[in-house]
Amino acid sequence: MVHGINLVPRDLDVLISPQDFSSFVRAFKIYMPEGDNDLKYSINGVEIELVLIPNLGHPIQVLFLDELIPVYTLHDELSFYQQRPGKEEIVKLIKEKL
């Protein structure tokens, strides 16, 4: 939405570095099935997927609705999605926007 791509999300992808994975799991363990180290789970009916990215780079700050929020460039997003199977439609949308 911030990049101007008209897309209604079905889920929430959380990009996280591998070194931060255990901290994230500890913080959100009440939402994860017990004994499950899966990268997909649900919070209040919203599907959450953790995406481990070795190099998250440096997001830029964008003013959106009077708030500064960290956002990756579309080039970074394209790189992230190209590494993930099943995300061809999103890759296509990003390439069209670029």
Protein backbone atom coordinates (compact mmCIF):
# COMPACT_ATOMS: atom_id res chain seq x y z
CA MET A 1 0.00 0.00 0.00
CA VAL A 2 2.82 2.40 0.85
CA HIS A 3 4.43 1.70 -2.54
CA GLY A 4 1.11 2.28 -4.35
CA ILE A 5 0.50 -1.34 -5.32
CA ASN A 6 -3.19 -2.17 -5.18
CA LEU A 7 -3.02 -5.46 -3.29
CA VAL A 8 -5.31 -6.83 -0.60
CA PRO A 9 -3.15 -8.98 1.68
CA ARG A 10 -4.31 -12.43 2.74
CA ASP A 11 -1.58 -12.71 5.32
CA LEU A 12 1.24 -10.86 7.02
CA ASP A 13 4.84 -11.61 6.12
CA VAL A 14 7.35 -10.71 8.83
CA LEU A 15 10.88 -10.34 7.49
CA ILE A 16 13.37 -11.32 10.16
CA SER A 17 17.07 -12.05 10.28
CA PRO A 18 18.05 -15.58 11.33
CA GLN A 19 19.90 -14.20 14.39
CA ASP A 20 16.66 -12.53 15.60
CA PHE A 21 14.49 -15.60 15.07
CA SER A 22 14.72 -17.00 18.62
CA SER A 23 13.92 -13.58 20.15
CA PHE A 24 10.84 -13.29 17.94
CA VAL A 25 9.67 -16.80 18.85
CA ARG A 26 10.06 -16.03 22.58
CA ALA A 27 8.08 -12.80 22.22
CA PHE A 28 5.23 -14.43 20.27
CA LYS A 29 5.27 -17.95 21.69
CA ILE A 30 1.71 -17.66 23.03
CA TYR A 31 0.50 -17.50 19.41
CA MET A 32 2.54 -20.46 18.17
CA PRO A 33 1.36 -24.05 18.46
CA GLU A 34 3.24 -25.84 21.24
CA GLY A 35 6.28 -27.74 20.05
CA ASP A 36 5.94 -26.24 16.58
CA ASN A 37 8.89 -24.45 15.05
CA ASP A 38 6.97 -23.73 11.87
CA LEU A 39 7.33 -20.31 10.30
CA LYS A 40 3.56 -19.99 9.79
CA TYR A 41 0.97 -19.38 12.48
CA SER A 42 -2.12 -17.30 13.17
CA ILE A 43 -3.00 -14.36 15.42
CA ASN A 44 -6.69 -13.54 15.71
CA GLY A 45 -7.39 -15.21 12.38
CA VAL A 46 -4.60 -13.41 10.50
CA GLU A 47 -2.09 -15.79 8.92
CA ILE A 48 1.46 -14.82 9.86
CA GLU A 49 4.54 -16.07 8.03
CA LEU A 50 8.07 -15.50 9.27
CA VAL A 51 10.49 -15.01 6.40
CA LEU A 52 14.13 -15.53 7.31
CA ILE A 53 16.30 -13.16 5.27
CA PRO A 54 20.06 -13.27 5.95
CA ASN A 55 20.63 -9.67 4.89
CA LEU A 56 17.74 -7.31 5.56
CA GLY A 57 19.69 -4.29 4.37
CA HIS A 58 18.55 -0.86 5.47
CA PRO A 59 14.95 0.26 5.02
CA ILE A 60 14.26 3.88 4.16
CA GLN A 61 11.97 6.12 6.23
CA VAL A 62 8.74 7.12 4.46
CA LEU A 63 6.13 9.59 5.68
CA PHE A 64 2.79 7.78 5.54
CA LEU A 65 -0.38 9.15 7.15
CA ASP A 66 1.71 11.61 9.17
CA GLU A 67 3.97 8.85 10.54
CA LEU A 68 7.53 7.95 9.58
CA ILE A 69 7.68 4.23 8.95
CA PRO A 70 10.57 2.01 7.81
CA VAL A 71 9.97 0.67 4.30
CA TYR A 72 12.09 -1.38 1.94
CA THR A 73 12.53 -0.11 -1.59
CA LEU A 74 10.65 -1.98 -4.30
CA HIS A 75 14.00 -3.26 -5.59
CA ASP A 76 14.68 -4.78 -2.14
CA GLU A 77 11.15 -6.21 -1.99
CA LEU A 78 11.59 -7.71 -5.45
CA SER A 79 14.79 -9.40 -4.34
CA PHE A 80 13.13 -10.77 -1.19
CA TYR A 81 10.11 -12.17 -3.09
CA GLN A 82 12.20 -13.66 -5.90
CA GLN A 83 13.85 -15.87 -3.28
CA ARG A 84 10.51 -17.30 -2.16
CA PRO A 85 8.64 -20.05 -4.02
CA GLY A 86 4.98 -19.39 -4.73
CA LYS A 87 5.32 -15.60 -4.81
CA GLU A 88 5.36 -15.23 -8.62
CA GLU A 89 2.23 -13.06 -8.70
CA ILE A 90 3.72 -10.58 -6.22
CA VAL A 91 7.00 -10.55 -8.21
CA LYS A 92 4.94 -9.74 -11.32
CA LEU A 93 3.11 -6.87 -9.55
CA ILE A 94 6.36 -5.38 -8.28
CA LYS A 95 8.01 -5.59 -11.71
CA GLU A 96 4.99 -3.85 -13.27
CA LYS A 97 5.25 -1.05 -10.72
CA LEU A 98 9.01 -0.62 -11.28
